[in-house]
Amino acid sequence: MSLDKSDLLGSEIESTYLFKWSGAYAGFFSNDRLFDRTGRYLGWCDAKGSVWKYNGEWLGLVVEKNYLVRDLRAFSQKRPSQVPPVPARPPMPPASRVARVPWPNCCDPLEALLRIPTPEDLVGEWGSDEEKLQLDRDGRFQWIAMEPVMSAVGDWELRGQELLLRWEGVAESERVYWVIEFTGDSLLLRWMRKTGRSLPFWLWRQPMQSDSGVEKATNEPQTT
């Protein structure tokens, strides 16, 4: 089934609710800017009804005013990212809608964009050039900074979109990190400090290795 441009909404979008096809309220458009339900900037919509992620990746098309669809047969596209707007004040959230099935040969791009991990999803080693974070299945963690070299241990817990790390032997023992985005092999976090909040930072899933240094097979979901 092809996408009919008559079903698309482009320049007319203004303070419009957006739902997942599951019926859950996902976010809203303020003019042509897309925000999640908390007011976090997700991307923008052009005059033809195409929606682009904040980093310029193509998300899909606006259909029936309140939904997004992504044609699984379409080629990947990218545009230059735009200057992020000031975070929007979220409107009063509407009631959920009846679940529907996305159009044939299409998926709901909001399911992946707004995916919330489970504790099982986070078990393993995550890292960047600056730091590494090991989250164990028994609720223990180890954090290592590369420069200057520092380390910490403690307990961890996932509460919705909040990753709570209880550091041992430090003054600010409970540290809350907001899970902004999760893809299965990447994790975008923000440290919600008591005196402010950090800039968002990415961690990537690290390959599991045996004692001999050979990479182990893993059943974790892979994304492209």
C-alpha atoms as a PDB file:
ATOM      1  CA  MET A   1       0.000   0.000   0.000  1.00  0.00           C
ATOM      2  CA  SER A   2       1.528   3.302  -1.067  1.00  0.00           C
ATOM      3  CA  LEU A   3       1.457   6.437   1.047  1.00  0.00           C
ATOM      4  CA  ASP A   4      -1.140   8.933  -0.159  1.00  0.00           C
ATOM      5  CA  LYS A   5      -0.027  12.559   0.178  1.00  0.00           C
ATOM      6  CA  SER A   6      -3.611  13.516   0.930  1.00  0.00           C
ATOM      7  CA  ASP A   7      -3.197  11.698   4.265  1.00  0.00           C
ATOM      8  CA  LEU A   8      -0.119  13.698   5.220  1.00  0.00           C
ATOM      9  CA  LEU A   9      -0.007  16.778   7.379  1.00  0.00           C
ATOM     10  CA  GLY A  10       2.849  19.240   6.929  1.00  0.00           C
ATOM     11  CA  SER A  11       2.768  22.972   7.385  1.00  0.00           C
ATOM     12  CA  GLU A  12      -0.642  22.941   9.124  1.00  0.00           C
ATOM     13  CA  ILE A  13       0.799  21.173  12.199  1.00  0.00           C
ATOM     14  CA  GLU A  14       0.484  23.344  15.315  1.00  0.00           C
ATOM     15  CA  SER A  15       0.239  22.030  18.875  1.00  0.00           C
ATOM     16  CA  THR A  16      -0.987  18.661  17.628  1.00  0.00           C
ATOM     17  CA  TYR A  17      -1.029  15.523  19.793  1.00  0.00           C
ATOM     18  CA  LEU A  18       0.928  12.526  18.532  1.00  0.00           C
ATOM     19  CA  PHE A  19       0.131   8.912  19.414  1.00  0.00           C
ATOM     20  CA  LYS A  20       1.828   5.580  18.935  1.00  0.00           C
ATOM     21  CA  TRP A  21      -0.167   3.060  16.920  1.00  0.00           C
ATOM     22  CA  SER A  22      -0.485   1.129  20.198  1.00  0.00           C
ATOM     23  CA  GLY A  23      -2.704   3.995  21.363  1.00  0.00           C
ATOM     24  CA  ALA A  24      -0.258   5.454  23.898  1.00  0.00           C
ATOM     25  CA  TYR A  25       0.250   9.207  23.912  1.00  0.00           C
ATOM     26  CA  ALA A  26       3.769   9.865  22.587  1.00  0.00           C
ATOM     27  CA  GLY A  27       4.263  13.619  22.264  1.00  0.00           C
ATOM     28  CA  PHE A  28       3.174  16.648  20.328  1.00  0.00           C
ATOM     29  CA  PHE A  29       4.014  19.050  17.526  1.00  0.00           C
ATOM     30  CA  SER A  30       4.473  22.703  18.377  1.00  0.00           C
ATOM     31  CA  ASN A  31       4.327  24.356  14.955  1.00  0.00           C
ATOM     32  CA  ASP A  32       6.715  22.143  12.972  1.00  0.00           C
ATOM     33  CA  ARG A  33       8.829  20.927  15.922  1.00  0.00           C
ATOM     34  CA  LEU A  34       8.340  17.470  17.437  1.00  0.00           C
ATOM     35  CA  PHE A  35       8.587  16.987  21.210  1.00  0.00           C
ATOM     36  CA  ASP A  36       8.017  13.989  23.451  1.00  0.00           C
ATOM     37  CA  ARG A  37       5.382  14.056  26.184  1.00  0.00           C
ATOM     38  CA  THR A  38       7.831  15.712  28.617  1.00  0.00           C
ATOM     39  CA  GLY A  39       8.734  18.531  26.207  1.00  0.00           C
ATOM     40  CA  ARG A  40      12.059  17.078  25.005  1.00  0.00           C
ATOM     41  CA  TYR A  41      12.931  18.009  21.420  1.00  0.00           C
ATOM     42  CA  LEU A  42      12.815  15.016  19.069  1.00  0.00           C
ATOM     43  CA  GLY A  43      12.926  16.517  15.580  1.00  0.00           C
ATOM     44  CA  TRP A  44      10.972  18.510  13.038  1.00  0.00           C
ATOM     45  CA  CYS A  45       8.413  18.155  10.254  1.00  0.00           C
ATOM     46  CA  ASP A  46       8.821  19.655   6.789  1.00  0.00           C
ATOM     47  CA  ALA A  47       6.126  21.081   4.516  1.00  0.00           C
ATOM     48  CA  LYS A  48       5.597  17.696   2.796  1.00  0.00           C
ATOM     49  CA  GLY A  49       4.823  15.855   6.041  1.00  0.00           C
ATOM     50  CA  SER A  50       8.198  14.124   6.397  1.00  0.00           C
ATOM     51  CA  VAL A  51       9.499  14.001   9.956  1.00  0.00           C
ATOM     52  CA  TRP A  52      13.229  14.167  10.684  1.00  0.00           C
ATOM     53  CA  LYS A  53      14.990  13.158  13.880  1.00  0.00           C
ATOM     54  CA  TYR A  54      16.992  15.813  15.753  1.00  0.00           C
ATOM     55  CA  ASN A  55      20.225  14.453  14.185  1.00  0.00           C
ATOM     56  CA  GLY A  56      18.831  14.699  10.643  1.00  0.00           C
ATOM     57  CA  GLU A  57      17.802  11.054  10.167  1.00  0.00           C
ATOM     58  CA  TRP A  58      14.478  10.443   8.445  1.00  0.00           C
ATOM     59  CA  LEU A  59      11.831   9.123  10.841  1.00  0.00           C
ATOM     60  CA  GLY A  60       8.754   8.793   8.653  1.00  0.00           C
ATOM     61  CA  LEU A  61       5.599  10.583   7.577  1.00  0.00           C
ATOM     62  CA  VAL A  62       2.721  12.181   9.432  1.00  0.00           C
ATOM     63  CA  VAL A  63      -0.538  10.437   8.595  1.00  0.00           C
ATOM     64  CA  GLU A  64      -4.088  10.987   9.770  1.00  0.00           C
ATOM     65  CA  LYS A  65      -2.814  14.055  11.646  1.00  0.00           C
ATOM     66  CA  ASN A  66      -1.833  12.225  14.859  1.00  0.00           C
ATOM     67  CA  TYR A  67       0.385   9.295  13.784  1.00  0.00           C
ATOM     68  CA  LEU A  68       3.754   8.605  12.200  1.00  0.00           C
ATOM     69  CA  VAL A  69       4.528   5.775   9.802  1.00  0.00           C
ATOM     70  CA  ARG A  70       7.780   4.655   8.241  1.00  0.00           C
ATOM     71  CA  ASP A  71       7.699   2.700   4.996  1.00  0.00           C
ATOM     72  CA  LEU A  72       9.944  -0.328   5.512  1.00  0.00           C
ATOM     73  CA  ARG A  73      10.747  -0.348   1.789  1.00  0.00           C
ATOM     74  CA  ALA A  74      12.025   3.242   1.759  1.00  0.00           C
ATOM     75  CA  PHE A  75      15.732   4.010   1.570  1.00  0.00           C
ATOM     76  CA  SER A  76      17.429   5.685   4.500  1.00  0.00           C
ATOM     77  CA  GLN A  77      17.664   9.463   4.159  1.00  0.00           C
ATOM     78  CA  LYS A  78      19.405  12.213   6.079  1.00  0.00           C
ATOM     79  CA  ARG A  79      19.347  16.000   6.206  1.00  0.00           C
ATOM     80  CA  PRO A  80      21.476  18.551   8.052  1.00  0.00           C
ATOM     81  CA  SER A  81      20.288  18.843  11.647  1.00  0.00           C
ATOM     82  CA  GLN A  82      18.574  22.033  12.771  1.00  0.00           C
ATOM     83  CA  VAL A  83      19.292  24.256  15.752  1.00  0.00           C
ATOM     84  CA  PRO A  84      17.395  22.738  18.708  1.00  0.00           C
ATOM     85  CA  PRO A  85      14.547  24.945  19.901  1.00  0.00           C
ATOM     86  CA  VAL A  86      13.868  25.939  23.472  1.00  0.00           C
ATOM     87  CA  PRO A  87      12.196  22.966  25.220  1.00  0.00           C
ATOM     88  CA  ALA A  88       8.432  23.265  24.873  1.00  0.00           C
ATOM     89  CA  ARG A  89       5.965  23.331  27.730  1.00  0.00           C
ATOM     90  CA  PRO A  90       4.016  20.073  27.458  1.00  0.00           C
ATOM     91  CA  PRO A  91       0.252  20.344  27.033  1.00  0.00           C
ATOM     92  CA  MET A  92      -2.151  18.436  29.256  1.00  0.00           C
ATOM     93  CA  PRO A  93      -1.738  14.799  28.154  1.00  0.00           C
ATOM     94  CA  PRO A  94      -4.784  13.327  26.400  1.00  0.00           C
ATOM     95  CA  ALA A  95      -6.325   9.943  27.080  1.00  0.00           C
ATOM     96  CA  SER A  96      -4.913   6.925  25.291  1.00  0.00           C
ATOM     97  CA  ARG A  97      -6.524   5.810  22.069  1.00  0.00           C
ATOM     98  CA  VAL A  98      -7.626   2.397  20.871  1.00  0.00           C
ATOM     99  CA  ALA A  99      -4.681   0.400  19.523  1.00  0.00           C
ATOM    100  CA  ARG A 100      -4.420   0.152  15.756  1.00  0.00           C
ATOM    101  CA  VAL A 101      -2.224  -1.732  13.303  1.00  0.00           C
ATOM    102  CA  PRO A 102       0.200   0.400  11.236  1.00  0.00           C
ATOM    103  CA  TRP A 103      -0.304   0.490   7.504  1.00  0.00           C
ATOM    104  CA  PRO A 104       0.901  -2.518   5.461  1.00  0.00           C
ATOM    105  CA  ASN A 105       4.689  -2.580   4.898  1.00  0.00           C
ATOM    106  CA  CYS A 106       5.074   0.182   7.515  1.00  0.00           C
ATOM    107  CA  CYS A 107       6.175   0.441  11.138  1.00  0.00           C
ATOM    108  CA  ASP A 108       5.704   2.936  13.938  1.00  0.00           C
ATOM    109  CA  PRO A 109       9.024   4.861  14.216  1.00  0.00           C
ATOM    110  CA  LEU A 110       8.043   6.181  17.640  1.00  0.00           C
ATOM    111  CA  GLU A 111       8.287   2.699  19.161  1.00  0.00           C
ATOM    112  CA  ALA A 112      12.044   2.640  18.542  1.00  0.00           C
ATOM    113  CA  LEU A 113      12.640   6.344  19.181  1.00  0.00           C
ATOM    114  CA  LEU A 114      10.860   6.292  22.556  1.00  0.00           C
ATOM    115  CA  ARG A 115      11.879   2.789  23.601  1.00  0.00           C
ATOM    116  CA  ILE A 116      12.270   2.389  27.361  1.00  0.00           C
ATOM    117  CA  PRO A 117      14.764  -0.317  28.405  1.00  0.00           C
ATOM    118  CA  THR A 118      14.123  -3.044  30.941  1.00  0.00           C
ATOM    119  CA  PRO A 119      16.711  -3.922  33.607  1.00  0.00           C
ATOM    120  CA  GLU A 120      17.624  -6.999  31.554  1.00  0.00           C
ATOM    121  CA  ASP A 121      18.312  -4.768  28.534  1.00  0.00           C
ATOM    122  CA  LEU A 122      20.948  -2.823  30.473  1.00  0.00           C
ATOM    123  CA  VAL A 123      22.928  -5.747  31.876  1.00  0.00           C
ATOM    124  CA  GLY A 124      26.435  -5.740  30.408  1.00  0.00           C
ATOM    125  CA  GLU A 125      29.279  -3.335  29.740  1.00  0.00           C
ATOM    126  CA  TRP A 126      28.728   0.131  28.293  1.00  0.00           C
ATOM    127  CA  GLY A 127      31.420   2.599  27.356  1.00  0.00           C
ATOM    128  CA  SER A 128      32.775   5.616  25.520  1.00  0.00           C
ATOM    129  CA  ASP A 129      36.234   7.101  25.056  1.00  0.00           C
ATOM    130  CA  GLU A 130      35.924   8.745  28.480  1.00  0.00           C
ATOM    131  CA  GLU A 131      34.322   6.104  30.694  1.00  0.00           C
ATOM    132  CA  LYS A 132      33.036   2.566  31.118  1.00  0.00           C
ATOM    133  CA  LEU A 133      30.019   1.321  33.069  1.00  0.00           C
ATOM    134  CA  GLN A 134      29.508  -2.333  33.943  1.00  0.00           C
ATOM    135  CA  LEU A 135      25.957  -3.218  35.058  1.00  0.00           C
ATOM    136  CA  ASP A 136      25.719  -6.692  36.553  1.00  0.00           C
ATOM    137  CA  ARG A 137      22.667  -8.906  36.745  1.00  0.00           C
ATOM    138  CA  ASP A 138      22.859  -9.009  40.558  1.00  0.00           C
ATOM    139  CA  GLY A 139      22.317  -5.250  40.811  1.00  0.00           C
ATOM    140  CA  ARG A 140      25.969  -4.267  41.246  1.00  0.00           C
ATOM    141  CA  PHE A 141      27.865  -1.829  39.027  1.00  0.00           C
ATOM    142  CA  GLN A 142      31.426  -0.706  38.384  1.00  0.00           C
ATOM    143  CA  TRP A 143      32.252   2.671  36.819  1.00  0.00           C
ATOM    144  CA  ILE A 144      35.686   3.580  35.438  1.00  0.00           C
ATOM    145  CA  ALA A 145      36.804   6.975  34.126  1.00  0.00           C
ATOM    146  CA  MET A 146      39.731   7.047  31.692  1.00  0.00           C
ATOM    147  CA  GLU A 147      41.224  10.494  32.372  1.00  0.00           C
ATOM    148  CA  PRO A 148      41.923  11.087  35.151  1.00  0.00           C
ATOM    149  CA  VAL A 149      41.766   7.405  36.065  1.00  0.00           C
ATOM    150  CA  MET A 150      39.002   6.918  38.650  1.00  0.00           C
ATOM    151  CA  SER A 151      36.668   4.094  39.601  1.00  0.00           C
ATOM    152  CA  ALA A 152      33.604   3.483  41.743  1.00  0.00           C
ATOM    153  CA  VAL A 153      31.337   0.587  42.687  1.00  0.00           C
ATOM    154  CA  GLY A 154      27.869   0.263  44.126  1.00  0.00           C
ATOM    155  CA  ASP A 155      24.305  -0.831  43.443  1.00  0.00           C
ATOM    156  CA  TRP A 156      22.129   0.080  40.460  1.00  0.00           C
ATOM    157  CA  GLU A 157      18.386   0.110  39.830  1.00  0.00           C
ATOM    158  CA  LEU A 158      16.197   1.051  36.877  1.00  0.00           C
ATOM    159  CA  ARG A 159      13.001   2.913  37.760  1.00  0.00           C
ATOM    160  CA  GLY A 160      11.103   3.663  34.567  1.00  0.00           C
ATOM    161  CA  GLN A 161      13.396   6.034  32.661  1.00  0.00           C
ATOM    162  CA  GLU A 162      15.596   6.700  35.693  1.00  0.00           C
ATOM    163  CA  LEU A 163      18.837   4.770  36.108  1.00  0.00           C
ATOM    164  CA  LEU A 164      19.777   5.054  39.786  1.00  0.00           C
ATOM    165  CA  LEU A 165      23.390   4.412  40.794  1.00  0.00           C
ATOM    166  CA  ARG A 166      24.159   4.211  44.521  1.00  0.00           C
ATOM    167  CA  TRP A 167      27.865   4.968  44.784  1.00  0.00           C
ATOM    168  CA  GLU A 168      29.790   3.622  47.749  1.00  0.00           C
ATOM    169  CA  GLY A 169      32.148   5.882  49.707  1.00  0.00           C
ATOM    170  CA  VAL A 170      31.203   9.254  48.160  1.00  0.00           C
ATOM    171  CA  ALA A 171      29.341  12.278  49.520  1.00  0.00           C
ATOM    172  CA  GLU A 172      26.615  12.342  46.839  1.00  0.00           C
ATOM    173  CA  SER A 173      25.909   8.622  47.008  1.00  0.00           C
ATOM    174  CA  GLU A 174      22.664   8.450  44.986  1.00  0.00           C
ATOM    175  CA  ARG A 175      23.043   9.598  41.395  1.00  0.00           C
ATOM    176  CA  VAL A 176      20.093   9.601  39.022  1.00  0.00           C
ATOM    177  CA  TYR A 177      20.597   9.375  35.265  1.00  0.00           C
ATOM    178  CA  TRP A 178      17.672  10.009  32.939  1.00  0.00           C
ATOM    179  CA  VAL A 179      17.514   7.560  30.017  1.00  0.00           C
ATOM    180  CA  ILE A 180      16.914   9.896  27.084  1.00  0.00           C
ATOM    181  CA  GLU A 181      17.253   7.356  24.314  1.00  0.00           C
ATOM    182  CA  PHE A 182      17.897   3.599  24.132  1.00  0.00           C
ATOM    183  CA  THR A 183      18.393   1.577  20.948  1.00  0.00           C
ATOM    184  CA  GLY A 184      19.626  -1.752  22.301  1.00  0.00           C
ATOM    185  CA  ASP A 185      23.297  -1.096  21.620  1.00  0.00           C
ATOM    186  CA  SER A 186      23.476   2.597  22.529  1.00  0.00           C
ATOM    187  CA  LEU A 187      22.343   4.582  25.536  1.00  0.00           C
ATOM    188  CA  LEU A 188      21.882   8.355  25.812  1.00  0.00           C
ATOM    189  CA  LEU A 189      21.939   9.545  29.432  1.00  0.00           C
ATOM    190  CA  ARG A 190      21.745  12.803  31.376  1.00  0.00           C
ATOM    191  CA  TRP A 191      22.932  13.085  34.979  1.00  0.00           C
ATOM    192  CA  MET A 192      20.170  14.807  36.967  1.00  0.00           C
ATOM    193  CA  ARG A 193      22.320  16.474  39.599  1.00  0.00           C
ATOM    194  CA  LYS A 194      20.804  18.110  42.676  1.00  0.00           C
ATOM    195  CA  THR A 195      22.392  21.408  41.641  1.00  0.00           C
ATOM    196  CA  GLY A 196      21.587  21.088  37.926  1.00  0.00           C
ATOM    197  CA  ARG A 197      21.970  18.557  35.177  1.00  0.00           C
ATOM    198  CA  SER A 198      24.745  17.447  32.874  1.00  0.00           C
ATOM    199  CA  LEU A 199      24.833  17.593  29.111  1.00  0.00           C
ATOM    200  CA  PRO A 200      23.566  14.382  27.468  1.00  0.00           C
ATOM    201  CA  PHE A 201      26.247  11.769  26.836  1.00  0.00           C
ATOM    202  CA  TRP A 202      26.302   8.518  24.862  1.00  0.00           C
ATOM    203  CA  LEU A 203      27.425   5.077  25.999  1.00  0.00           C
ATOM    204  CA  TRP A 204      27.716   2.150  23.609  1.00  0.00           C
ATOM    205  CA  ARG A 205      27.354  -1.535  24.401  1.00  0.00           C
ATOM    206  CA  GLN A 206      30.750  -3.201  24.559  1.00  0.00           C
ATOM    207  CA  PRO A 207      31.345  -6.709  23.178  1.00  0.00           C
ATOM    208  CA  MET A 208      31.503  -9.463  25.755  1.00  0.00           C
ATOM    209  CA  GLN A 209      34.845 -11.241  25.873  1.00  0.00           C
ATOM    210  CA  SER A 210      35.952 -14.513  27.363  1.00  0.00           C
ATOM    211  CA  ASP A 211      39.112 -14.881  29.436  1.00  0.00           C
ATOM    212  CA  SER A 212      41.000 -15.719  26.251  1.00  0.00           C
ATOM    213  CA  GLY A 213      39.923 -12.452  24.666  1.00  0.00           C
ATOM    214  CA  VAL A 214      37.595 -14.078  22.142  1.00  0.00           C
ATOM    215  CA  GLU A 215      34.274 -12.283  21.758  1.00  0.00           C
ATOM    216  CA  LYS A 216      31.305 -14.196  23.142  1.00  0.00           C
ATOM    217  CA  ALA A 217      28.043 -14.591  21.271  1.00  0.00           C
ATOM    218  CA  THR A 218      25.231 -12.483  22.632  1.00  0.00           C
ATOM    219  CA  ASN A 219      21.484 -12.430  22.179  1.00  0.00           C
ATOM    220  CA  GLU A 220      21.221  -8.669  22.677  1.00  0.00           C
ATOM    221  CA  PRO A 221      19.239  -6.893  19.955  1.00  0.00           C
ATOM    222  CA  GLN A 222      21.338  -5.333  17.217  1.00  0.00           C
ATOM    223  CA  THR A 223      20.425  -2.127  15.405  1.00  0.00           C
ATOM    224  CA  THR A 224      21.781  -0.438  12.349  1.00  0.00           C
END
